Amino acid sequence: MTDPKLSDLAMPGVPFAVRVTPRASRERIDVQEGTVRVHVTCVPEDGKANRAVTEVLAKALGVAKSRLTLVRGATGRDKTFRLD
């Protein structure tokens, strides 16, 4: 499900880019050509997809959701997260 490179990309304090696909058939994470792609089943309304992305990323990284901060891209598919 998760590429081991994901933990290398998410260093504490360093922002990392994520490309989100909402309304996917299932939740998953892919790392393609250095780009982290997160697929979530939620619809992108009222922050539901952002919360789902945060949950999926936190689970994949093995950290609490509260340690992930959405730095940029709250309304777009391209987002920047930081691990605190």
N, C-alpha and C. Protein backbone atom coordinates (compact mmCIF):
# COMPACT_ATOMS: atom_id res chain seq x y z
N MET A 1 0.82 -1.20 0.00
CA MET A 1 0.00 0.00 0.00
C MET A 1 0.86 1.26 0.00
N THR A 2 1.83 1.34 0.91
CA THR A 2 2.63 2.55 1.02
C THR A 2 4.07 2.25 0.64
N ASP A 3 4.64 3.10 -0.16
CA ASP A 3 6.02 2.99 -0.55
C ASP A 3 6.90 3.36 0.63
N PRO A 4 7.97 2.63 0.91
CA PRO A 4 8.84 2.97 2.03
C PRO A 4 9.47 4.35 1.91
N LYS A 5 9.54 4.91 0.72
CA LYS A 5 10.12 6.24 0.51
C LYS A 5 9.30 7.33 1.20
N LEU A 6 8.08 7.03 1.54
CA LEU A 6 7.20 8.03 2.15
C LEU A 6 7.80 8.55 3.46
N SER A 7 8.36 7.68 4.25
CA SER A 7 8.96 8.12 5.50
C SER A 7 10.20 8.98 5.25
N ASP A 8 10.90 8.74 4.15
CA ASP A 8 12.05 9.58 3.80
C ASP A 8 11.63 10.98 3.37
N LEU A 9 10.48 11.09 2.72
CA LEU A 9 10.00 12.38 2.25
C LEU A 9 9.46 13.24 3.38
N ALA A 10 8.93 12.61 4.41
CA ALA A 10 8.30 13.35 5.51
C ALA A 10 9.24 13.46 6.69
N MET A 11 10.11 14.42 6.64
CA MET A 11 11.05 14.69 7.73
C MET A 11 10.42 15.74 8.65
N PRO A 12 10.56 15.62 9.96
CA PRO A 12 9.99 16.62 10.87
C PRO A 12 10.45 18.04 10.55
N GLY A 13 9.48 18.94 10.41
CA GLY A 13 9.76 20.34 10.15
C GLY A 13 9.94 20.70 8.69
N VAL A 14 10.06 19.71 7.80
CA VAL A 14 10.28 19.97 6.38
C VAL A 14 8.97 19.76 5.63
N PRO A 15 8.49 20.78 4.90
CA PRO A 15 7.25 20.62 4.13
C PRO A 15 7.41 19.59 3.00
N PHE A 16 6.34 18.86 2.71
CA PHE A 16 6.36 17.94 1.58
C PHE A 16 5.05 18.06 0.80
N ALA A 17 5.16 17.87 -0.52
CA ALA A 17 4.03 18.05 -1.42
C ALA A 17 3.22 16.77 -1.56
N VAL A 18 1.92 16.95 -1.70
CA VAL A 18 0.99 15.84 -1.86
C VAL A 18 -0.01 16.21 -2.95
N ARG A 19 -0.30 15.27 -3.84
CA ARG A 19 -1.33 15.44 -4.86
C ARG A 19 -2.51 14.58 -4.44
N VAL A 20 -3.70 15.18 -4.33
CA VAL A 20 -4.87 14.48 -3.81
C VAL A 20 -5.87 14.16 -4.92
N THR A 21 -6.42 12.96 -4.85
CA THR A 21 -7.51 12.56 -5.74
C THR A 21 -8.71 12.24 -4.87
N PRO A 22 -9.70 13.14 -4.82
CA PRO A 22 -10.91 12.86 -4.05
C PRO A 22 -11.85 11.93 -4.83
N ARG A 23 -12.84 11.39 -4.14
CA ARG A 23 -13.84 10.51 -4.74
C ARG A 23 -13.23 9.29 -5.41
N ALA A 24 -12.16 8.76 -4.85
CA ALA A 24 -11.53 7.55 -5.39
C ALA A 24 -12.35 6.33 -4.96
N SER A 25 -12.12 5.22 -5.62
CA SER A 25 -12.86 4.01 -5.27
C SER A 25 -12.40 3.43 -3.94
N ARG A 26 -11.11 3.68 -3.58
CA ARG A 26 -10.60 3.23 -2.29
C ARG A 26 -9.48 4.16 -1.86
N GLU A 27 -9.20 4.17 -0.57
CA GLU A 27 -8.14 5.03 -0.04
C GLU A 27 -6.80 4.32 -0.21
N ARG A 28 -5.83 5.06 -0.74
CA ARG A 28 -4.48 4.50 -0.90
C ARG A 28 -3.47 5.63 -1.12
N ILE A 29 -2.21 5.28 -0.98
CA ILE A 29 -1.12 6.22 -1.21
C ILE A 29 -0.17 5.60 -2.22
N ASP A 30 0.22 6.39 -3.21
CA ASP A 30 1.21 5.98 -4.19
C ASP A 30 2.32 7.01 -4.19
N VAL A 31 3.54 6.56 -4.46
CA VAL A 31 4.64 7.48 -4.68
C VAL A 31 5.14 7.22 -6.10
N GLN A 32 4.89 8.19 -6.98
CA GLN A 32 5.26 8.05 -8.38
C GLN A 32 6.20 9.18 -8.76
N GLU A 33 7.40 8.82 -9.17
CA GLU A 33 8.40 9.80 -9.61
C GLU A 33 8.63 10.87 -8.55
N GLY A 34 8.67 10.46 -7.29
CA GLY A 34 8.93 11.40 -6.21
C GLY A 34 7.72 12.20 -5.74
N THR A 35 6.56 11.98 -6.35
CA THR A 35 5.34 12.68 -5.97
C THR A 35 4.46 11.76 -5.13
N VAL A 36 4.04 12.26 -3.98
CA VAL A 36 3.14 11.49 -3.12
C VAL A 36 1.72 11.76 -3.60
N ARG A 37 1.02 10.71 -3.95
CA ARG A 37 -0.38 10.82 -4.41
C ARG A 37 -1.26 10.10 -3.40
N VAL A 38 -2.23 10.83 -2.87
CA VAL A 38 -3.15 10.27 -1.89
C VAL A 38 -4.53 10.22 -2.51
N HIS A 39 -5.13 9.05 -2.53
CA HIS A 39 -6.48 8.84 -3.05
C HIS A 39 -7.41 8.63 -1.86
N VAL A 40 -8.47 9.44 -1.78
CA VAL A 40 -9.44 9.31 -0.69
C VAL A 40 -10.84 9.18 -1.27
N THR A 41 -11.72 8.54 -0.52
CA THR A 41 -13.08 8.30 -0.99
C THR A 41 -14.01 9.49 -0.72
N CYS A 42 -13.59 10.42 0.13
CA CYS A 42 -14.45 11.56 0.50
C CYS A 42 -14.61 12.55 -0.65
N VAL A 43 -15.69 13.30 -0.56
CA VAL A 43 -15.92 14.38 -1.52
C VAL A 43 -15.22 15.65 -1.01
N PRO A 44 -14.77 16.50 -1.93
CA PRO A 44 -14.06 17.71 -1.51
C PRO A 44 -15.00 18.85 -1.13
N GLU A 45 -15.70 18.69 -0.03
CA GLU A 45 -16.59 19.77 0.43
C GLU A 45 -16.49 19.88 1.95
N ASP A 46 -16.52 21.10 2.44
CA ASP A 46 -16.47 21.38 3.88
C ASP A 46 -15.24 20.77 4.58
N GLY A 47 -14.13 20.61 3.85
CA GLY A 47 -12.91 20.10 4.46
C GLY A 47 -12.88 18.60 4.70
N LYS A 48 -13.89 17.87 4.21
CA LYS A 48 -13.94 16.43 4.45
C LYS A 48 -12.75 15.71 3.81
N ALA A 49 -12.41 16.07 2.58
CA ALA A 49 -11.29 15.42 1.90
C ALA A 49 -9.97 15.76 2.59
N ASN A 50 -9.82 16.99 3.06
CA ASN A 50 -8.59 17.36 3.77
C ASN A 50 -8.41 16.55 5.04
N ARG A 51 -9.48 16.35 5.77
CA ARG A 51 -9.41 15.54 6.99
C ARG A 51 -9.07 14.09 6.65
N ALA A 52 -9.67 13.58 5.57
CA ALA A 52 -9.39 12.20 5.17
C ALA A 52 -7.93 12.04 4.74
N VAL A 53 -7.41 13.01 4.00
CA VAL A 53 -6.00 12.96 3.58
C VAL A 53 -5.09 12.97 4.79
N THR A 54 -5.39 13.83 5.76
CA THR A 54 -4.58 13.90 6.98
C THR A 54 -4.59 12.56 7.70
N GLU A 55 -5.75 11.92 7.79
CA GLU A 55 -5.86 10.63 8.47
C GLU A 55 -5.05 9.55 7.74
N VAL A 56 -5.16 9.51 6.42
CA VAL A 56 -4.46 8.50 5.63
C VAL A 56 -2.95 8.70 5.73
N LEU A 57 -2.50 9.94 5.62
CA LEU A 57 -1.07 10.23 5.74
C LEU A 57 -0.53 9.88 7.13
N ALA A 58 -1.27 10.26 8.15
CA ALA A 58 -0.84 9.98 9.52
C ALA A 58 -0.71 8.47 9.75
N LYS A 59 -1.67 7.72 9.27
CA LYS A 59 -1.62 6.27 9.43
C LYS A 59 -0.42 5.68 8.69
N ALA A 60 -0.17 6.17 7.47
CA ALA A 60 0.95 5.66 6.67
C ALA A 60 2.29 5.99 7.30
N LEU A 61 2.38 7.16 7.93
CA LEU A 61 3.63 7.58 8.56
C LEU A 61 3.78 7.03 9.97
N GLY A 62 2.69 6.53 10.54
CA GLY A 62 2.73 6.01 11.89
C GLY A 62 2.82 7.10 12.95
N VAL A 63 2.17 8.24 12.67
CA VAL A 63 2.18 9.36 13.60
C VAL A 63 0.74 9.77 13.91
N ALA A 64 0.57 10.59 14.93
CA ALA A 64 -0.76 11.11 15.26
C ALA A 64 -1.18 12.16 14.23
N LYS A 65 -2.49 12.24 13.98
CA LYS A 65 -3.02 13.23 13.04
C LYS A 65 -2.62 14.64 13.44
N SER A 66 -2.54 14.89 14.73
CA SER A 66 -2.22 16.23 15.22
C SER A 66 -0.80 16.67 14.88
N ARG A 67 0.06 15.73 14.49
CA ARG A 67 1.43 16.08 14.12
C ARG A 67 1.54 16.55 12.68
N LEU A 68 0.49 16.37 11.88
CA LEU A 68 0.50 16.82 10.49
C LEU A 68 -0.21 18.16 10.38
N THR A 69 0.42 19.09 9.69
CA THR A 69 -0.16 20.41 9.49
C THR A 69 -0.29 20.67 8.00
N LEU A 70 -1.49 21.08 7.57
CA LEU A 70 -1.71 21.48 6.19
C LEU A 70 -1.20 22.90 6.05
N VAL A 71 -0.11 23.06 5.33
CA VAL A 71 0.54 24.36 5.19
C VAL A 71 -0.08 25.17 4.06
N ARG A 72 -0.36 24.50 2.94
CA ARG A 72 -0.85 25.20 1.76
C ARG A 72 -1.74 24.27 0.95
N GLY A 73 -2.73 24.83 0.26
CA GLY A 73 -3.54 24.05 -0.66
C GLY A 73 -4.84 23.52 -0.09
N ALA A 74 -5.45 24.24 0.84
CA ALA A 74 -6.68 23.76 1.48
C ALA A 74 -7.82 23.56 0.48
N THR A 75 -7.83 24.31 -0.62
CA THR A 75 -8.93 24.19 -1.58
C THR A 75 -8.52 23.59 -2.91
N GLY A 76 -7.27 23.16 -3.05
CA GLY A 76 -6.82 22.59 -4.32
C GLY A 76 -6.38 21.15 -4.17
N ARG A 77 -6.03 20.53 -5.29
CA ARG A 77 -5.57 19.14 -5.27
C ARG A 77 -4.11 19.03 -4.83
N ASP A 78 -3.34 20.07 -5.11
CA ASP A 78 -1.93 20.08 -4.71
C ASP A 78 -1.82 20.71 -3.33
N LYS A 79 -1.32 19.94 -2.38
CA LYS A 79 -1.25 20.40 -1.00
C LYS A 79 0.17 20.27 -0.49
N THR A 80 0.47 21.04 0.53
CA THR A 80 1.77 20.95 1.21
C THR A 80 1.50 20.68 2.68
N PHE A 81 2.09 19.62 3.18
CA PHE A 81 1.97 19.24 4.59
C PHE A 81 3.32 19.36 5.26
N ARG A 82 3.29 19.50 6.57
CA ARG A 82 4.51 19.51 7.38
C ARG A 82 4.29 18.58 8.56
N LEU A 83 5.29 17.79 8.86
CA LEU A 83 5.25 16.91 10.01
C LEU A 83 5.91 17.64 11.17
N ASP A 84 5.16 17.89 12.24
CA ASP A 84 5.68 18.63 13.41
C ASP A 84 6.19 17.68 14.46
